[in-house]
Amino acid sequence: MKQLEKKGIKLLTTGPSRFRLVTHYGISSEDIHTTLVRLGEIMGSRS
């Protein structure tokens, strides 16, 4: 998931194929949308 970190998205790996994302105060709906789009791009490239 280093690709996400390079884009400023931090996550916690909880297992070989699991991870955790959390939001905090100040995270907007747009931030969440951007994160989901970037995650989809990266996950799609692994198919």
N, C-alpha and C. Protein backbone atom coordinates (compact mmCIF):
# COMPACT_ATOMS: atom_id res chain seq x y z
N MET A 1 0.80 -1.19 0.00
CA MET A 1 0.00 0.00 0.00
C MET A 1 0.85 1.26 0.00
N LYS A 2 2.10 1.11 -0.35
CA LYS A 2 2.98 2.27 -0.43
C LYS A 2 2.51 3.25 -1.48
N GLN A 3 1.77 2.77 -2.48
CA GLN A 3 1.22 3.66 -3.50
C GLN A 3 0.25 4.66 -2.88
N LEU A 4 -0.54 4.22 -1.91
CA LEU A 4 -1.46 5.12 -1.23
C LEU A 4 -0.70 6.12 -0.37
N GLU A 5 0.32 5.65 0.33
CA GLU A 5 1.11 6.55 1.17
C GLU A 5 1.74 7.66 0.34
N LYS A 6 2.18 7.32 -0.87
CA LYS A 6 2.77 8.32 -1.76
C LYS A 6 1.74 9.39 -2.13
N LYS A 7 0.45 9.04 -2.07
CA LYS A 7 -0.62 9.97 -2.39
C LYS A 7 -1.19 10.63 -1.14
N GLY A 8 -0.53 10.41 0.01
CA GLY A 8 -0.95 11.06 1.25
C GLY A 8 -2.05 10.35 2.01
N ILE A 9 -2.28 9.08 1.68
CA ILE A 9 -3.33 8.30 2.34
C ILE A 9 -2.67 7.28 3.25
N LYS A 10 -2.96 7.37 4.54
CA LYS A 10 -2.35 6.47 5.51
C LYS A 10 -3.34 5.39 5.90
N LEU A 11 -2.83 4.19 6.13
CA LEU A 11 -3.67 3.08 6.58
C LEU A 11 -2.87 2.16 7.46
N LEU A 12 -3.58 1.33 8.19
CA LEU A 12 -2.96 0.36 9.08
C LEU A 12 -3.18 -1.02 8.51
N THR A 13 -2.10 -1.74 8.26
CA THR A 13 -2.21 -3.12 7.79
C THR A 13 -2.50 -4.00 8.99
N THR A 14 -3.58 -4.79 8.90
CA THR A 14 -3.97 -5.65 10.02
C THR A 14 -3.80 -7.13 9.71
N GLY A 15 -3.36 -7.45 8.51
CA GLY A 15 -3.14 -8.84 8.11
C GLY A 15 -2.62 -8.86 6.70
N PRO A 16 -2.32 -10.03 6.18
CA PRO A 16 -1.73 -10.13 4.84
C PRO A 16 -2.63 -9.57 3.73
N SER A 17 -3.92 -9.59 3.93
CA SER A 17 -4.83 -9.06 2.91
C SER A 17 -5.91 -8.17 3.53
N ARG A 18 -5.57 -7.54 4.66
CA ARG A 18 -6.53 -6.68 5.37
C ARG A 18 -5.86 -5.38 5.76
N PHE A 19 -6.66 -4.33 5.79
CA PHE A 19 -6.16 -3.05 6.25
C PHE A 19 -7.29 -2.25 6.88
N ARG A 20 -6.92 -1.18 7.56
CA ARG A 20 -7.91 -0.36 8.26
C ARG A 20 -7.67 1.10 7.92
N LEU A 21 -8.76 1.78 7.60
CA LEU A 21 -8.73 3.22 7.35
C LEU A 21 -9.68 3.88 8.35
N VAL A 22 -9.30 5.02 8.89
CA VAL A 22 -10.18 5.75 9.79
C VAL A 22 -10.23 7.20 9.36
N THR A 23 -11.29 7.88 9.77
CA THR A 23 -11.38 9.32 9.51
C THR A 23 -11.25 10.07 10.83
N HIS A 24 -10.93 11.31 10.72
CA HIS A 24 -10.78 12.17 11.87
C HIS A 24 -11.53 13.47 11.61
N TYR A 25 -11.69 14.26 12.64
CA TYR A 25 -12.31 15.57 12.51
C TYR A 25 -11.56 16.36 11.44
N GLY A 26 -12.27 17.00 10.57
CA GLY A 26 -11.63 17.79 9.53
C GLY A 26 -11.52 17.07 8.20
N ILE A 27 -11.84 15.79 8.16
CA ILE A 27 -11.83 15.03 6.91
C ILE A 27 -13.18 15.24 6.25
N SER A 28 -13.15 15.72 5.01
CA SER A 28 -14.39 16.06 4.32
C SER A 28 -14.91 14.89 3.48
N SER A 29 -16.12 15.01 3.02
CA SER A 29 -16.70 14.01 2.11
C SER A 29 -15.85 13.91 0.85
N GLU A 30 -15.34 15.03 0.38
CA GLU A 30 -14.47 15.04 -0.80
C GLU A 30 -13.18 14.25 -0.54
N ASP A 31 -12.62 14.40 0.66
CA ASP A 31 -11.41 13.63 1.02
C ASP A 31 -11.70 12.13 0.96
N ILE A 32 -12.84 11.73 1.47
CA ILE A 32 -13.22 10.32 1.47
C ILE A 32 -13.42 9.83 0.04
N HIS A 33 -14.09 10.63 -0.77
CA HIS A 33 -14.31 10.26 -2.17
C HIS A 33 -12.97 10.09 -2.89
N THR A 34 -12.06 11.04 -2.70
CA THR A 34 -10.74 10.96 -3.34
C THR A 34 -10.00 9.70 -2.91
N THR A 35 -10.07 9.38 -1.63
CA THR A 35 -9.41 8.18 -1.11
C THR A 35 -9.99 6.93 -1.75
N LEU A 36 -11.31 6.85 -1.86
CA LEU A 36 -11.94 5.68 -2.46
C LEU A 36 -11.58 5.54 -3.94
N VAL A 37 -11.52 6.66 -4.65
CA VAL A 37 -11.13 6.63 -6.07
C VAL A 37 -9.70 6.12 -6.20
N ARG A 38 -8.80 6.66 -5.41
CA ARG A 38 -7.39 6.24 -5.48
C ARG A 38 -7.22 4.78 -5.08
N LEU A 39 -7.93 4.35 -4.06
CA LEU A 39 -7.87 2.95 -3.64
C LEU A 39 -8.38 2.05 -4.77
N GLY A 40 -9.47 2.44 -5.39
CA GLY A 40 -10.01 1.67 -6.52
C GLY A 40 -9.04 1.59 -7.68
N GLU A 41 -8.34 2.69 -7.97
CA GLU A 41 -7.35 2.68 -9.05
C GLU A 41 -6.22 1.69 -8.76
N ILE A 42 -5.75 1.72 -7.52
CA ILE A 42 -4.64 0.83 -7.14
C ILE A 42 -5.10 -0.62 -7.11
N MET A 43 -6.25 -0.88 -6.51
CA MET A 43 -6.75 -2.25 -6.42
C MET A 43 -7.08 -2.78 -7.80
N GLY A 44 -7.59 -1.94 -8.68
CA GLY A 44 -7.89 -2.35 -10.04
C GLY A 44 -6.65 -2.74 -10.83
N SER A 45 -5.52 -2.09 -10.50
CA SER A 45 -4.29 -2.39 -11.22
C SER A 45 -3.69 -3.72 -10.81
N ARG A 46 -4.21 -4.31 -9.73
CA ARG A 46 -3.69 -5.60 -9.24
C ARG A 46 -4.47 -6.77 -9.81
N SER A 47 -5.57 -6.51 -10.52
CA SER A 47 -6.40 -7.60 -11.04
C SER A 47 -5.74 -8.28 -12.21
